Amino acid sequence: MKTFSKSQEELIKVRPNAENGLWLGLLLPIAIISSYIKYSNESSSLYRSCFLFTLVNKRYFIFPTVAVSCIFHIFNHGTFLCCYSGILSSIGFYTIYMFSLRKCPWSFTLGEALFCAQGFTIFLYSTLINLYNAIYSPLKTDLQISTIVIQVGILSVAVICYLAHTYDSLQKAFAFYIMSVIIVIFVLLLPLHLLLKQSPVLWIFGLLTKDINTLLMFAYWILCSSCATYAVSIQIKVAKKASTVIRKSFHILAVLVFLPGLLFECTFIYLASGVALGIFIILELLRNLNIPPLGTSLQDGFMVFSDEKDVGNVALTPMYLLVGCAIPLWVHPIPCDVTNSAMFNILPLISGLLSVGIGDTMASYVGKSFGKHKWAGSNKTIEGTVACMLSQFLTVYLLFKLGYYNLQQNDVIRISVAVITVALVEAKTTQVDNIVLPLLMYSILL
């Protein structure tokens, strides 16, 4: 980690009452490297490039830029890709990292900002390479098309956020919506139409209506989303701070949304998770800038559902929950099989659901309701940690009994190590559980 100068330290305000968490910077690289090592034959050339890219996006010096370029040259990736990879992995990463810490005071620990900067840098890298490849090689599978739709969509959202925060004149409602429409047309829809050689809206509609099972799954997700929206509106009306148990109920809702999707509509849940992230970011932008008609309502929701970690100017908890559930799906090189299911390798892909949706939720509920014995130096209870372990073991056993997972004898040790490690980290860490636990469990279960 590059040492901050005194002037830089004065501009950086990290989230209080938490350790620096610099070890989080290892989680995403380890997850990608582990995935590549296990699935090296099945990984695409882009994924192999991302594997190399994650090894070296750590510093802001000329030497790392040259070093990365040389590594990519050795692997015959071409001069343009060598230079692009070297510059983005060093200068680009550092710029994004410092931007996050300066523009979002008290929102991150150093480690959390490190994770977000790594993720966004890898996203930019893979997006530009994917766009370049899509121009010359037609996209063939639904998963490939979904990936490019997600990437261009999130890139469009990033452009909207950047412009809205850079130019005060665009923070007024009329100007903001006009700017957003222009970005959607010329940065999102038009490029996708040229790349796909068809309307992206019609393609998504075709994916949605291709069979009755997809329609039923979509209707089920709409029902779950409606329940969540209704619960938030009720909490706002009573104007009462939501308890930890109420907040954790959204974790269970995330499990109810993601698990059926992974089992039966893998490609669609993959696409939907990316679209949902874009929507969450836009909603947070509307709240942050108080843009009508949703700005005030979103702020009211934030006030009743925020927790002790939401002390900065950005509400990250909802996005962290979504990212925690979806990141195994995004990181895995081949998440969906030919039957459009994730059952062939379900455990790594439900790492977020197991650790955050089930384990963390049960730890919180049991710890708050029945916990009496606290861990040294922590507010977490031993009873909550035990509940975290048992609930995850029980979930895996139920998947096995229902026929969704073929449990082998050698899997027992791996699952036990993953569950116990996650439970202990949940009990002791001061970092955001929703991003720490899924990647930790994913790397062990892979």
Protein backbone atom coordinates (compact mmCIF):
# COMPACT_ATOMS: atom_id res chain seq x y z
CA MET A 1 0.00 0.00 0.00
CA LYS A 2 1.37 3.36 -1.00
CA THR A 3 2.00 5.63 1.98
CA PHE A 4 -0.23 8.71 2.12
CA SER A 5 1.35 12.13 2.31
CA LYS A 6 0.36 14.46 5.14
CA SER A 7 -1.84 16.56 2.84
CA GLN A 8 -3.58 13.42 1.60
CA GLU A 9 -4.24 12.19 5.14
CA GLU A 10 -5.96 15.48 5.96
CA LEU A 11 -8.39 14.96 3.06
CA ILE A 12 -9.20 11.35 3.95
CA LYS A 13 -11.91 10.65 6.51
CA VAL A 14 -12.46 6.95 7.09
CA ARG A 15 -15.44 5.27 8.74
CA PRO A 16 -15.09 5.67 12.54
CA ASN A 17 -15.05 2.89 15.13
CA ALA A 18 -13.50 0.39 12.74
CA GLU A 19 -10.03 -0.97 11.99
CA ASN A 20 -8.33 -0.04 8.72
CA GLY A 21 -9.17 -3.45 7.20
CA LEU A 22 -6.38 -3.39 4.63
CA TRP A 23 -6.53 -7.19 4.48
CA LEU A 24 -9.76 -6.80 2.46
CA GLY A 25 -7.52 -5.94 -0.46
CA LEU A 26 -6.60 -9.64 -0.68
CA LEU A 27 -10.12 -11.05 -0.94
CA LEU A 28 -11.09 -10.15 -4.50
CA PRO A 29 -7.70 -11.05 -6.04
CA ILE A 30 -7.68 -14.39 -4.19
CA ALA A 31 -11.21 -15.16 -5.40
CA ILE A 32 -10.35 -14.43 -9.04
CA ILE A 33 -6.99 -16.19 -8.92
CA SER A 34 -8.55 -19.27 -7.26
CA SER A 35 -11.29 -19.34 -9.90
CA TYR A 36 -8.75 -19.16 -12.70
CA ILE A 37 -6.56 -21.91 -11.23
CA LYS A 38 -9.52 -24.29 -10.87
CA TYR A 39 -11.14 -23.46 -14.22
CA SER A 40 -8.09 -22.54 -16.30
CA ASN A 41 -9.22 -24.67 -19.27
CA GLU A 42 -12.76 -23.28 -19.27
CA SER A 43 -11.81 -19.63 -18.62
CA SER A 44 -12.12 -17.18 -21.50
CA SER A 45 -9.18 -15.11 -22.72
CA LEU A 46 -10.75 -12.09 -21.01
CA TYR A 47 -10.91 -13.94 -17.70
CA ARG A 48 -7.25 -14.93 -18.09
CA SER A 49 -6.42 -11.26 -18.64
CA CYS A 50 -8.38 -10.32 -15.51
CA PHE A 51 -6.47 -13.02 -13.62
CA LEU A 52 -3.17 -11.35 -14.55
CA PHE A 53 -4.65 -7.91 -13.97
CA THR A 54 -5.63 -8.67 -10.36
CA LEU A 55 -2.10 -9.73 -9.52
CA VAL A 56 -0.68 -6.29 -9.99
CA ASN A 57 -3.22 -3.47 -9.47
CA LYS A 58 -1.74 -2.28 -6.22
CA ARG A 59 0.51 0.73 -6.69
CA TYR A 60 0.88 4.12 -8.27
CA PHE A 61 4.36 4.11 -9.71
CA ILE A 62 5.90 3.94 -13.18
CA PHE A 63 7.64 0.63 -12.41
CA PRO A 64 4.43 -1.36 -11.79
CA THR A 65 2.96 0.08 -15.00
CA VAL A 66 5.94 -1.19 -16.99
CA ALA A 67 5.97 -4.49 -15.09
CA VAL A 68 2.32 -5.21 -15.84
CA SER A 69 2.80 -4.34 -19.49
CA CYS A 70 5.73 -6.76 -19.69
CA ILE A 71 3.75 -9.55 -18.04
CA PHE A 72 0.92 -9.16 -20.54
CA HIS A 73 3.43 -9.02 -23.40
CA ILE A 74 4.96 -12.31 -22.25
CA PHE A 75 1.49 -13.89 -22.43
CA ASN A 76 1.05 -12.63 -26.01
CA HIS A 77 -1.81 -10.23 -25.29
CA GLY A 78 -0.82 -7.58 -27.82
CA THR A 79 0.77 -4.15 -27.49
CA PHE A 80 -2.47 -2.21 -26.94
CA LEU A 81 -3.69 -4.55 -24.20
CA CYS A 82 -0.26 -4.54 -22.55
CA CYS A 83 -0.17 -0.74 -22.30
CA TYR A 84 -3.84 -0.42 -21.35
CA SER A 85 -3.49 -3.06 -18.61
CA GLY A 86 -0.37 -1.48 -17.19
CA ILE A 87 -1.77 2.04 -17.00
CA LEU A 88 -5.20 1.08 -15.63
CA SER A 89 -3.83 -1.36 -13.04
CA SER A 90 -1.59 1.27 -11.49
CA ILE A 91 -2.64 4.85 -12.19
CA GLY A 92 -6.32 4.03 -12.76
CA PHE A 93 -6.64 1.97 -9.59
CA TYR A 94 -4.91 4.54 -7.40
CA THR A 95 -7.02 7.39 -8.81
CA ILE A 96 -10.27 5.51 -8.13
CA TYR A 97 -9.09 4.57 -4.64
CA MET A 98 -8.25 8.12 -3.63
CA PHE A 99 -11.42 9.46 -5.27
CA SER A 100 -13.52 7.07 -3.14
CA LEU A 101 -11.87 8.13 0.10
CA ARG A 102 -12.01 11.87 -0.64
CA LYS A 103 -15.48 12.18 -2.15
CA CYS A 104 -17.20 9.78 0.27
CA PRO A 105 -15.96 10.84 3.72
CA TRP A 106 -16.67 8.46 6.63
CA SER A 107 -18.24 5.95 4.21
CA PHE A 108 -15.32 3.50 3.97
CA THR A 109 -12.52 2.02 5.95
CA LEU A 110 -9.26 1.90 4.01
CA GLY A 111 -9.89 -1.77 3.26
CA GLU A 112 -13.47 -1.27 2.12
CA ALA A 113 -12.39 1.52 -0.22
CA LEU A 114 -9.62 -0.78 -1.45
CA PHE A 115 -12.17 -3.49 -2.28
CA CYS A 116 -14.46 -1.05 -4.09
CA ALA A 117 -11.57 0.48 -6.06
CA GLN A 118 -10.35 -2.98 -7.07
CA GLY A 119 -13.83 -4.00 -8.14
CA PHE A 120 -14.47 -0.87 -10.20
CA THR A 121 -11.01 -1.00 -11.79
CA ILE A 122 -11.52 -4.62 -12.84
CA PHE A 123 -15.00 -3.70 -14.07
CA LEU A 124 -13.59 -0.90 -16.27
CA TYR A 125 -10.85 -3.17 -17.54
CA SER A 126 -13.16 -6.05 -18.49
CA THR A 127 -15.81 -3.70 -19.92
CA LEU A 128 -13.49 -1.96 -22.37
CA ILE A 129 -11.91 -5.26 -23.43
CA ASN A 130 -15.34 -6.84 -23.86
CA LEU A 131 -16.55 -3.91 -25.97
CA TYR A 132 -13.44 -4.13 -28.13
CA ASN A 133 -13.89 -7.89 -28.62
CA ALA A 134 -17.63 -7.59 -29.31
CA ILE A 135 -16.94 -5.30 -32.28
CA TYR A 136 -14.96 -8.02 -34.07
CA SER A 137 -16.46 -11.22 -32.61
CA PRO A 138 -20.24 -11.58 -32.43
CA LEU A 139 -21.67 -12.47 -29.03
CA LYS A 140 -23.02 -16.01 -29.09
CA THR A 141 -24.48 -17.05 -25.74
CA ASP A 142 -27.11 -15.43 -23.53
CA LEU A 143 -24.51 -15.17 -20.76
CA GLN A 144 -22.11 -13.24 -23.02
CA ILE A 145 -24.88 -10.87 -24.11
CA SER A 146 -26.04 -10.43 -20.51
CA THR A 147 -22.48 -9.53 -19.51
CA ILE A 148 -22.15 -6.81 -22.14
CA VAL A 149 -25.62 -5.43 -21.27
CA ILE A 150 -24.67 -5.23 -17.59
CA GLN A 151 -21.29 -3.66 -18.30
CA VAL A 152 -22.58 -0.97 -20.66
CA GLY A 153 -25.48 -0.32 -18.27
CA ILE A 154 -23.26 0.17 -15.21
CA LEU A 155 -20.87 2.29 -17.29
CA SER A 156 -23.82 4.52 -18.26
CA VAL A 157 -24.82 4.81 -14.60
CA ALA A 158 -21.24 5.75 -13.71
CA VAL A 159 -21.28 8.51 -16.34
CA ILE A 160 -24.57 9.86 -14.95
CA CYS A 161 -23.17 9.87 -11.41
CA TYR A 162 -19.95 11.58 -12.47
CA LEU A 163 -21.71 14.33 -14.44
CA ALA A 164 -24.31 14.94 -11.73
CA HIS A 165 -21.67 15.33 -9.03
CA THR A 166 -19.31 17.39 -11.18
CA TYR A 167 -21.77 19.97 -12.53
CA ASP A 168 -24.10 21.65 -10.05
CA SER A 169 -26.45 22.71 -12.83
CA LEU A 170 -27.26 19.03 -13.49
CA GLN A 171 -28.44 18.51 -9.91
CA LYS A 172 -31.76 20.23 -10.61
CA ALA A 173 -34.53 17.76 -11.42
CA PHE A 174 -35.30 18.83 -15.00
CA ALA A 175 -31.65 19.06 -16.07
CA PHE A 176 -30.82 15.78 -14.33
CA TYR A 177 -33.53 13.81 -16.10
CA ILE A 178 -32.74 15.35 -19.50
CA MET A 179 -29.07 14.46 -19.02
CA SER A 180 -30.00 10.93 -17.92
CA VAL A 181 -32.20 10.37 -20.97
CA ILE A 182 -29.38 11.53 -23.27
CA ILE A 183 -26.90 9.18 -21.56
CA VAL A 184 -29.33 6.26 -21.74
CA ILE A 185 -29.88 6.81 -25.47
CA PHE A 186 -26.33 7.54 -26.61
CA VAL A 187 -24.21 5.61 -24.08
CA LEU A 188 -26.49 2.66 -23.32
CA LEU A 189 -29.10 1.86 -25.97
CA LEU A 190 -27.37 2.96 -29.17
CA PRO A 191 -24.02 1.19 -28.52
CA LEU A 192 -25.82 -1.97 -27.40
CA HIS A 193 -28.02 -1.89 -30.50
CA LEU A 194 -24.92 -1.68 -32.69
CA LEU A 195 -23.12 -4.46 -30.81
CA LEU A 196 -26.07 -6.85 -30.57
CA LYS A 197 -27.44 -5.93 -34.01
CA GLN A 198 -30.85 -5.80 -32.40
CA SER A 199 -32.67 -3.76 -29.77
CA PRO A 200 -31.32 -4.58 -26.28
CA VAL A 201 -34.79 -3.90 -24.87
CA LEU A 202 -36.34 -6.45 -27.23
CA TRP A 203 -33.56 -8.93 -26.46
CA ILE A 204 -34.25 -8.66 -22.71
CA PHE A 205 -37.98 -8.99 -23.40
CA GLY A 206 -37.27 -12.11 -25.47
CA LEU A 207 -35.16 -13.59 -22.67
CA LEU A 208 -37.95 -12.85 -20.21
CA THR A 209 -40.70 -14.42 -22.33
CA LYS A 210 -38.80 -17.39 -23.78
CA ASP A 211 -40.73 -19.87 -21.60
CA ILE A 212 -43.34 -19.99 -18.87
CA ASN A 213 -40.79 -20.81 -16.14
CA THR A 214 -38.90 -17.57 -16.75
CA LEU A 215 -42.14 -15.58 -16.62
CA LEU A 216 -43.15 -17.27 -13.37
CA MET A 217 -39.73 -16.57 -11.88
CA PHE A 218 -39.98 -12.91 -12.90
CA ALA A 219 -43.47 -12.66 -11.38
CA TYR A 220 -42.11 -14.19 -8.18
CA TRP A 221 -39.29 -11.63 -8.05
CA ILE A 222 -41.78 -8.80 -8.60
CA LEU A 223 -43.79 -10.14 -5.65
CA CYS A 224 -40.69 -10.24 -3.44
CA SER A 225 -39.70 -6.71 -4.49
CA SER A 226 -43.22 -5.47 -3.77
CA CYS A 227 -43.09 -6.99 -0.29
CA ALA A 228 -39.77 -5.25 0.37
CA THR A 229 -41.10 -1.91 -0.89
CA TYR A 230 -44.23 -2.26 1.24
CA ALA A 231 -42.17 -3.11 4.34
CA VAL A 232 -39.99 -0.03 3.81
CA SER A 233 -43.02 2.23 3.33
CA ILE A 234 -44.62 0.93 6.54
CA GLN A 235 -41.42 1.55 8.50
CA ILE A 236 -41.23 5.09 7.10
CA LYS A 237 -44.85 5.79 8.08
CA VAL A 238 -44.33 4.74 11.70
CA ALA A 239 -41.13 6.85 11.69
CA LYS A 240 -39.41 4.35 13.95
CA LYS A 241 -35.82 3.22 13.64
CA ALA A 242 -35.74 -0.31 12.25
CA SER A 243 -34.30 -2.89 14.61
CA THR A 244 -31.43 -5.14 13.61
CA VAL A 245 -33.84 -8.06 13.27
CA ILE A 246 -36.03 -6.09 10.84
CA ARG A 247 -33.01 -5.07 8.77
CA LYS A 248 -31.76 -8.64 8.65
CA SER A 249 -35.13 -9.79 7.31
CA PHE A 250 -34.05 -8.27 4.00
CA HIS A 251 -31.18 -10.77 4.00
CA ILE A 252 -33.70 -13.61 4.08
CA LEU A 253 -35.61 -11.92 1.26
CA ALA A 254 -32.38 -11.83 -0.77
CA VAL A 255 -32.01 -15.59 -0.28
CA LEU A 256 -35.61 -16.12 -1.44
CA VAL A 257 -34.86 -14.12 -4.58
CA PHE A 258 -31.42 -15.45 -5.47
CA LEU A 259 -31.60 -19.16 -4.64
CA PRO A 260 -34.46 -20.11 -7.01
CA GLY A 261 -32.82 -18.01 -9.71
CA LEU A 262 -29.50 -19.81 -9.35
CA LEU A 263 -31.18 -23.21 -9.41
CA PHE A 264 -33.58 -22.67 -12.31
CA GLU A 265 -32.85 -19.39 -14.18
CA CYS A 266 -29.13 -18.79 -13.78
CA THR A 267 -28.62 -16.48 -16.76
CA PHE A 268 -31.64 -14.38 -15.88
CA ILE A 269 -30.63 -13.90 -12.23
CA TYR A 270 -27.14 -13.01 -13.48
CA LEU A 271 -28.61 -10.30 -15.71
CA ALA A 272 -31.12 -9.17 -13.08
CA SER A 273 -28.43 -8.78 -10.41
CA GLY A 274 -26.46 -6.41 -12.64
CA VAL A 275 -29.56 -4.41 -13.54
CA ALA A 276 -30.50 -4.22 -9.85
CA LEU A 277 -27.06 -2.84 -8.97
CA GLY A 278 -27.49 -0.08 -11.55
CA ILE A 279 -30.93 0.76 -10.14
CA PHE A 280 -29.58 0.84 -6.58
CA ILE A 281 -26.81 3.25 -7.60
CA ILE A 282 -29.27 5.58 -9.37
CA LEU A 283 -31.63 5.52 -6.37
CA GLU A 284 -28.75 6.40 -4.07
CA LEU A 285 -27.81 9.27 -6.40
CA LEU A 286 -31.39 10.59 -6.25
CA ARG A 287 -31.31 10.38 -2.45
CA ASN A 288 -27.89 11.97 -2.15
CA LEU A 289 -28.81 14.91 -4.37
CA ASN A 290 -32.41 15.06 -3.07
CA ILE A 291 -33.83 15.01 -6.59
CA PRO A 292 -37.65 14.81 -6.75
CA PRO A 293 -39.91 12.95 -6.83
CA LEU A 294 -38.06 10.13 -4.99
CA GLY A 295 -35.28 12.00 -3.18
CA THR A 296 -37.19 12.81 0.01
CA SER A 297 -38.79 9.36 0.32
CA LEU A 298 -35.45 7.66 -0.17
CA GLN A 299 -33.90 9.85 2.52
CA ASP A 300 -36.74 8.94 4.90
CA GLY A 301 -36.08 5.28 4.20
CA PHE A 302 -32.39 5.76 4.84
CA MET A 303 -33.06 7.43 8.19
CA VAL A 304 -35.10 4.50 9.52
CA PHE A 305 -33.01 1.67 8.05
CA SER A 306 -29.45 2.98 8.43
CA ASP A 307 -27.19 1.23 10.92
CA GLU A 308 -24.01 2.15 12.78
CA LYS A 309 -21.92 1.67 9.62
CA ASP A 310 -23.96 4.19 7.59
CA VAL A 311 -22.27 7.31 8.92
CA GLY A 312 -20.95 8.71 5.63
CA ASN A 313 -22.67 10.60 2.86
CA VAL A 314 -23.33 7.44 0.82
CA ALA A 315 -25.80 4.70 1.81
CA LEU A 316 -23.81 1.59 0.97
CA THR A 317 -25.60 -1.08 3.02
CA PRO A 318 -28.27 -2.00 0.40
CA MET A 319 -25.64 -2.15 -2.35
CA TYR A 320 -23.31 -4.21 -0.18
CA LEU A 321 -26.10 -6.74 0.42
CA LEU A 322 -26.77 -7.07 -3.30
CA VAL A 323 -23.06 -7.27 -4.13
CA GLY A 324 -22.47 -9.82 -1.37
CA CYS A 325 -25.17 -12.11 -2.75
CA ALA A 326 -24.21 -11.65 -6.40
CA ILE A 327 -20.42 -11.38 -6.40
CA PRO A 328 -19.78 -15.16 -6.49
CA LEU A 329 -21.93 -15.22 -9.63
CA TRP A 330 -19.99 -12.31 -11.13
CA VAL A 331 -16.53 -13.63 -10.22
CA HIS A 332 -17.03 -17.26 -11.29
CA PRO A 333 -15.76 -17.84 -14.87
CA ILE A 334 -18.61 -20.24 -15.83
CA PRO A 335 -21.49 -19.70 -13.37
CA CYS A 336 -24.29 -21.14 -15.54
CA ASP A 337 -24.23 -24.57 -17.20
CA VAL A 338 -25.92 -25.68 -20.42
CA THR A 339 -29.20 -26.28 -18.57
CA ASN A 340 -29.19 -22.63 -17.37
CA SER A 341 -28.65 -23.75 -13.78
CA ALA A 342 -25.85 -23.32 -11.26
CA MET A 343 -26.40 -26.75 -9.68
CA PHE A 344 -23.21 -28.21 -11.15
CA ASN A 345 -21.20 -26.09 -8.69
CA ILE A 346 -23.82 -24.61 -6.42
CA LEU A 347 -21.94 -24.13 -3.13
CA PRO A 348 -19.38 -21.51 -4.24
CA LEU A 349 -22.13 -19.63 -6.07
CA ILE A 350 -24.34 -19.43 -2.97
CA SER A 351 -21.45 -18.33 -0.75
CA GLY A 352 -23.08 -14.93 -0.29
CA LEU A 353 -26.48 -16.44 0.46
CA LEU A 354 -25.00 -18.88 2.99
CA SER A 355 -22.70 -16.46 4.78
CA VAL A 356 -24.73 -13.23 4.67
CA GLY A 357 -28.30 -14.32 3.94
CA ILE A 358 -28.38 -17.26 6.36
CA GLY A 359 -25.38 -17.21 8.70
CA ASP A 360 -25.12 -13.50 9.43
CA THR A 361 -28.89 -13.20 9.81
CA MET A 362 -29.14 -16.05 12.31
CA ALA A 363 -26.10 -14.78 14.21
CA SER A 364 -27.76 -11.39 14.57
CA TYR A 365 -31.18 -12.74 15.56
CA VAL A 366 -29.94 -15.31 18.09
CA GLY A 367 -27.27 -12.98 19.43
CA LYS A 368 -29.76 -10.15 20.04
CA SER A 369 -32.50 -12.40 21.41
CA PHE A 370 -30.64 -15.04 23.42
CA GLY A 371 -26.96 -14.06 23.52
CA LYS A 372 -25.38 -13.78 26.96
CA HIS A 373 -21.70 -14.59 26.45
CA LYS A 374 -19.78 -12.05 24.38
CA TRP A 375 -16.53 -12.58 22.56
CA ALA A 376 -13.57 -10.71 24.08
CA GLY A 377 -13.30 -7.24 22.58
CA SER A 378 -16.52 -7.58 20.59
CA ASN A 379 -20.25 -6.96 20.94
CA LYS A 380 -20.95 -10.24 19.12
CA THR A 381 -22.03 -13.22 21.22
CA ILE A 382 -20.84 -16.81 21.25
CA GLU A 383 -24.48 -17.95 20.96
CA GLY A 384 -24.83 -15.92 17.78
CA THR A 385 -21.66 -17.45 16.33
CA VAL A 386 -22.90 -20.98 17.06
CA ALA A 387 -26.22 -20.13 15.39
CA CYS A 388 -24.30 -18.79 12.39
CA MET A 389 -22.49 -22.11 12.01
CA LEU A 390 -25.48 -24.39 12.60
CA SER A 391 -27.77 -22.50 10.23
CA GLN A 392 -25.26 -22.76 7.39
CA PHE A 393 -24.64 -26.47 8.01
CA LEU A 394 -28.40 -27.05 8.06
CA THR A 395 -28.88 -25.16 4.78
CA VAL A 396 -26.22 -27.25 3.02
CA TYR A 397 -27.79 -30.43 4.41
CA LEU A 398 -31.24 -29.39 3.14
CA LEU A 399 -29.82 -28.72 -0.33
CA PHE A 400 -28.29 -32.20 -0.24
CA LYS A 401 -31.51 -33.89 0.89
CA LEU A 402 -33.56 -32.03 -1.74
CA GLY A 403 -31.21 -33.21 -4.46
CA TYR A 404 -29.70 -29.83 -5.35
CA TYR A 405 -26.21 -30.73 -4.17
CA ASN A 406 -24.30 -33.98 -4.42
CA LEU A 407 -22.45 -34.07 -1.11
CA GLN A 408 -19.20 -36.05 -1.25
CA GLN A 409 -17.20 -37.25 1.73
CA ASN A 410 -14.25 -34.97 0.94
CA ASP A 411 -16.62 -31.98 0.77
CA VAL A 412 -17.40 -32.21 4.49
CA ILE A 413 -14.01 -30.90 5.62
CA ARG A 414 -14.03 -28.07 3.06
CA ILE A 415 -17.56 -27.00 4.03
CA SER A 416 -16.71 -27.19 7.74
CA VAL A 417 -13.59 -25.04 7.31
CA ALA A 418 -15.56 -22.47 5.29
CA VAL A 419 -18.48 -22.25 7.71
CA ILE A 420 -16.33 -22.09 10.86
CA THR A 421 -13.97 -19.50 9.34
CA VAL A 422 -16.85 -17.31 8.19
CA ALA A 423 -18.58 -17.53 11.58
CA LEU A 424 -15.43 -16.54 13.47
CA VAL A 425 -14.67 -13.66 11.09
CA GLU A 426 -18.29 -12.46 11.41
CA ALA A 427 -17.87 -12.40 15.18
CA LYS A 428 -14.62 -10.45 15.23
CA THR A 429 -14.41 -8.17 12.18
CA THR A 430 -15.31 -4.49 12.22
CA GLN A 431 -15.51 -4.40 8.41
CA VAL A 432 -18.77 -4.71 6.45
CA ASP A 433 -19.86 -8.36 6.68
CA ASN A 434 -21.72 -8.25 3.38
CA ILE A 435 -18.54 -8.00 1.32
CA VAL A 436 -16.08 -9.82 3.57
CA LEU A 437 -17.93 -13.07 4.24
CA PRO A 438 -19.06 -14.00 0.70
CA LEU A 439 -15.61 -13.70 -0.89
CA LEU A 440 -13.96 -15.48 2.02
CA MET A 441 -16.39 -18.40 1.80
CA TYR A 442 -16.25 -18.47 -2.01
CA SER A 443 -12.47 -18.88 -2.05
CA ILE A 444 -12.62 -21.77 0.44
CA LEU A 445 -15.55 -23.59 -1.17
CA LEU A 446 -14.29 -23.26 -4.75
